Structure formats: structure tokens, C-alpha cells
Amino acid sequence: MPLHIRSEKDHDQNYLFELKGSIDSDTYGNLDNEIKKAEAAGARSVSLNFGDVDYVSSIGIRVLIDGMKILKNRKSPFLLFGLQPQVKKVLEIMRLTSVLEVLDSRSDVNHYLQEHCSIPS
């Protein structure tokens, strides 16, 4: 299944990527490029909506870890939210939920950003 990525950026340079499909060897490059473009543009944060992602391969996980490292070096949040149970289970098995910031919903992301980035409500 292809990966569709819709991106939004607010006036504070917070990027939101709405993902739909699978992140695998055929599609990981698209996500990797989008994350790198956001970082190069000075992203204050990057949030990924996984609500419509049904599968993440090991190379897809590498993209997430690389994205987290890139943003962490800038002290910028890299947030995942809305994970389907099978995707969350993979991250839990790999013990990545303690490394990656995994939230339940977009409202949780907004709350996180307000608390950690001094973003007005």
C-alpha cells in the first residue's frame, strides 16, 4: 500500500504530517524526505499522525528514530500520535515507546506543545 502524506505548518513552525498507508521499503523515502525538509526549514516541532498507518517495517522505524534524533539535536519535539494497535505493539516490542514521544490524539499533541514549547492556546 502506498504512503500518502499531507503536511501542515502553523505560524510557529510546528509541522504536522497526516500519514495514510504503510511505511515500508517502497515508501520510507517519502517520509524521510518530508521530515528532513521540515528540519531544514527550521521546524519547531514535528508531529506525525499515525491514525491511518497500518504497517511500519524496520526501515520505517529507522526513519522514525532518525527523525527523532534530528529534532532532538535541535531540542525540538518529535511526536507520534493516533497509533493503531498493531503499530503501537511493534514499537512496544522494540521498546521504542520509552524513546519516542507517543501520544494518543491531536489534542494531546497541542497540549504537549503548549506545555513544552510555550505555544499560546
C-alpha atoms as a PDB file:
ATOM      1  CA  MET A   1       0.000   0.000   0.000  1.00  0.00           C
ATOM      2  CA  PRO A   2       1.381   3.447  -0.871  1.00  0.00           C
ATOM      3  CA  LEU A   3       2.027   6.124   1.728  1.00  0.00           C
ATOM      4  CA  HIS A   4       0.147   9.389   1.396  1.00  0.00           C
ATOM      5  CA  ILE A   5       1.498  12.351   3.334  1.00  0.00           C
ATOM      6  CA  ARG A   6      -0.379  15.579   3.885  1.00  0.00           C
ATOM      7  CA  SER A   7       1.580  18.276   5.690  1.00  0.00           C
ATOM      8  CA  GLU A   8       0.576  21.368   7.602  1.00  0.00           C
ATOM      9  CA  LYS A   9       2.709  24.062   9.163  1.00  0.00           C
ATOM     10  CA  ASP A  10       1.489  26.697  11.574  1.00  0.00           C
ATOM     11  CA  HIS A  11       2.873  30.199  12.072  1.00  0.00           C
ATOM     12  CA  ASP A  12       5.153  28.901  14.874  1.00  0.00           C
ATOM     13  CA  GLN A  13       6.904  26.426  12.543  1.00  0.00           C
ATOM     14  CA  ASN A  14       5.169  23.376  14.053  1.00  0.00           C
ATOM     15  CA  TYR A  15       4.794  20.724  11.366  1.00  0.00           C
ATOM     16  CA  LEU A  16       2.028  18.136  11.294  1.00  0.00           C
ATOM     17  CA  PHE A  17       2.153  15.200   8.906  1.00  0.00           C
ATOM     18  CA  GLU A  18      -1.054  13.261   8.309  1.00  0.00           C
ATOM     19  CA  LEU A  19       0.010   9.789   7.165  1.00  0.00           C
ATOM     20  CA  LYS A  20      -2.082   7.189   5.363  1.00  0.00           C
ATOM     21  CA  GLY A  21      -0.868   3.764   4.237  1.00  0.00           C
ATOM     22  CA  SER A  22       2.243   1.755   5.031  1.00  0.00           C
ATOM     23  CA  ILE A  23       5.777   2.831   5.849  1.00  0.00           C
ATOM     24  CA  ASP A  24       7.962   0.194   4.238  1.00  0.00           C
ATOM     25  CA  SER A  25      10.885  -0.248   1.835  1.00  0.00           C
ATOM     26  CA  ASP A  26       8.856   1.265  -1.014  1.00  0.00           C
ATOM     27  CA  THR A  27       7.578   4.311   0.870  1.00  0.00           C
ATOM     28  CA  TYR A  28      10.006   5.192   3.666  1.00  0.00           C
ATOM     29  CA  GLY A  29      11.935   7.665   1.494  1.00  0.00           C
ATOM     30  CA  ASN A  30       8.905   9.927   1.127  1.00  0.00           C
ATOM     31  CA  LEU A  31       8.530  10.284   4.893  1.00  0.00           C
ATOM     32  CA  ASP A  32      12.263  10.649   5.411  1.00  0.00           C
ATOM     33  CA  ASN A  33      12.388  13.474   2.846  1.00  0.00           C
ATOM     34  CA  GLU A  34       9.438  15.300   4.423  1.00  0.00           C
ATOM     35  CA  ILE A  35      10.978  15.149   7.897  1.00  0.00           C
ATOM     36  CA  LYS A  36      14.326  16.379   6.589  1.00  0.00           C
ATOM     37  CA  LYS A  37      12.658  19.229   4.682  1.00  0.00           C
ATOM     38  CA  ALA A  38      10.815  20.303   7.838  1.00  0.00           C
ATOM     39  CA  GLU A  39      14.046  20.235   9.839  1.00  0.00           C
ATOM     40  CA  ALA A  40      15.890  22.236   7.159  1.00  0.00           C
ATOM     41  CA  ALA A  41      13.081  24.804   7.192  1.00  0.00           C
ATOM     42  CA  GLY A  42      13.568  25.311  10.931  1.00  0.00           C
ATOM     43  CA  ALA A  43      10.771  23.172  12.348  1.00  0.00           C
ATOM     44  CA  ARG A  44       9.994  23.968  15.953  1.00  0.00           C
ATOM     45  CA  SER A  45       8.304  20.566  16.246  1.00  0.00           C
ATOM     46  CA  VAL A  46       7.254  17.643  14.043  1.00  0.00           C
ATOM     47  CA  SER A  47       4.115  15.622  14.784  1.00  0.00           C
ATOM     48  CA  LEU A  48       3.120  12.509  12.859  1.00  0.00           C
ATOM     49  CA  ASN A  49      -0.498  11.325  12.807  1.00  0.00           C
ATOM     50  CA  PHE A  50      -0.408   7.527  12.554  1.00  0.00           C
ATOM     51  CA  GLY A  51      -4.198   7.096  12.651  1.00  0.00           C
ATOM     52  CA  ASP A  52      -4.278   5.696   9.105  1.00  0.00           C
ATOM     53  CA  VAL A  53      -0.933   3.863   9.128  1.00  0.00           C
ATOM     54  CA  ASP A  54      -1.500   0.121   9.186  1.00  0.00           C
ATOM     55  CA  TYR A  55       2.081  -1.130   8.901  1.00  0.00           C
ATOM     56  CA  VAL A  56       5.614   0.047   9.696  1.00  0.00           C
ATOM     57  CA  SER A  57       8.620  -2.036   8.613  1.00  0.00           C
ATOM     58  CA  SER A  58      12.060  -1.957  10.196  1.00  0.00           C
ATOM     59  CA  ILE A  59      13.239   0.650   7.698  1.00  0.00           C
ATOM     60  CA  GLY A  60      10.205   2.748   8.586  1.00  0.00           C
ATOM     61  CA  ILE A  61      11.191   2.509  12.242  1.00  0.00           C
ATOM     62  CA  ARG A  62      14.673   3.669  11.285  1.00  0.00           C
ATOM     63  CA  VAL A  63      13.137   6.781   9.689  1.00  0.00           C
ATOM     64  CA  LEU A  64      11.303   7.498  12.960  1.00  0.00           C
ATOM     65  CA  ILE A  65      14.454   7.067  15.043  1.00  0.00           C
ATOM     66  CA  ASP A  66      16.486   9.222  12.642  1.00  0.00           C
ATOM     67  CA  GLY A  67      13.774  11.898  12.681  1.00  0.00           C
ATOM     68  CA  MET A  68      13.694  11.869  16.464  1.00  0.00           C
ATOM     69  CA  LYS A  69      17.493  12.244  16.612  1.00  0.00           C
ATOM     70  CA  ILE A  70      17.499  15.134  14.145  1.00  0.00           C
ATOM     71  CA  LEU A  71      14.849  17.039  16.075  1.00  0.00           C
ATOM     72  CA  LYS A  72      16.310  16.121  19.475  1.00  0.00           C
ATOM     73  CA  ASN A  73      19.622  17.698  18.436  1.00  0.00           C
ATOM     74  CA  ARG A  74      17.682  20.921  17.919  1.00  0.00           C
ATOM     75  CA  LYS A  75      15.775  20.413  21.185  1.00  0.00           C
ATOM     76  CA  SER A  76      12.575  20.211  19.142  1.00  0.00           C
ATOM     77  CA  PRO A  77       9.766  17.737  19.888  1.00  0.00           C
ATOM     78  CA  PHE A  78       9.208  14.791  17.541  1.00  0.00           C
ATOM     79  CA  LEU A  79       5.756  13.420  18.364  1.00  0.00           C
ATOM     80  CA  LEU A  80       3.784  10.400  17.164  1.00  0.00           C
ATOM     81  CA  PHE A  81       0.064  10.112  17.810  1.00  0.00           C
ATOM     82  CA  GLY A  82      -3.022   8.101  16.930  1.00  0.00           C
ATOM     83  CA  LEU A  83      -1.130   4.824  16.511  1.00  0.00           C
ATOM     84  CA  GLN A  84      -3.187   1.805  15.506  1.00  0.00           C
ATOM     85  CA  PRO A  85      -2.837  -1.104  17.948  1.00  0.00           C
ATOM     86  CA  GLN A  86      -0.638  -3.234  15.660  1.00  0.00           C
ATOM     87  CA  VAL A  87       1.788  -0.356  15.043  1.00  0.00           C
ATOM     88  CA  LYS A  88       1.935   0.579  18.723  1.00  0.00           C
ATOM     89  CA  LYS A  89       2.581  -3.083  19.585  1.00  0.00           C
ATOM     90  CA  VAL A  90       5.625  -3.150  17.275  1.00  0.00           C
ATOM     91  CA  LEU A  91       7.031  -0.034  18.935  1.00  0.00           C
ATOM     92  CA  GLU A  92       6.375  -1.532  22.374  1.00  0.00           C
ATOM     93  CA  ILE A  93       8.071  -4.824  21.478  1.00  0.00           C
ATOM     94  CA  MET A  94      11.104  -2.881  20.264  1.00  0.00           C
ATOM     95  CA  ARG A  95      10.942  -0.790  23.466  1.00  0.00           C
ATOM     96  CA  LEU A  96      10.721   2.399  21.440  1.00  0.00           C
ATOM     97  CA  THR A  97       7.736   3.855  23.285  1.00  0.00           C
ATOM     98  CA  SER A  98      10.184   4.874  26.013  1.00  0.00           C
ATOM     99  CA  VAL A  99      12.403   6.645  23.452  1.00  0.00           C
ATOM    100  CA  LEU A 100       9.852   8.113  21.046  1.00  0.00           C
ATOM    101  CA  GLU A 101       7.196  10.504  22.353  1.00  0.00           C
ATOM    102  CA  VAL A 102       3.931   8.634  21.668  1.00  0.00           C
ATOM    103  CA  LEU A 103       0.653  10.427  22.381  1.00  0.00           C
ATOM    104  CA  ASP A 104      -2.963   9.406  21.912  1.00  0.00           C
ATOM    105  CA  SER A 105      -4.520  12.279  19.979  1.00  0.00           C
ATOM    106  CA  ARG A 106      -4.014  15.591  18.237  1.00  0.00           C
ATOM    107  CA  SER A 107      -5.378  17.388  21.282  1.00  0.00           C
ATOM    108  CA  ASP A 108      -2.665  15.667  23.351  1.00  0.00           C
ATOM    109  CA  VAL A 109      -0.100  16.979  20.852  1.00  0.00           C
ATOM    110  CA  ASN A 110      -1.484  20.514  21.175  1.00  0.00           C
ATOM    111  CA  HIS A 111      -1.375  20.258  24.971  1.00  0.00           C
ATOM    112  CA  TYR A 112       2.190  18.894  24.869  1.00  0.00           C
ATOM    113  CA  LEU A 113       3.346  21.740  22.635  1.00  0.00           C
ATOM    114  CA  GLN A 114       1.668  24.344  24.858  1.00  0.00           C
ATOM    115  CA  GLU A 115       3.437  22.932  27.911  1.00  0.00           C
ATOM    116  CA  HIS A 116       6.861  22.248  26.406  1.00  0.00           C
ATOM    117  CA  CYS A 117       7.240  24.910  23.736  1.00  0.00           C
ATOM    118  CA  SER A 118       5.467  27.898  25.294  1.00  0.00           C
ATOM    119  CA  ILE A 119       2.958  27.981  22.460  1.00  0.00           C
ATOM    120  CA  PRO A 120      -0.101  30.130  23.157  1.00  0.00           C
ATOM    121  CA  SER A 121      -3.507  28.395  23.208  1.00  0.00           C
END
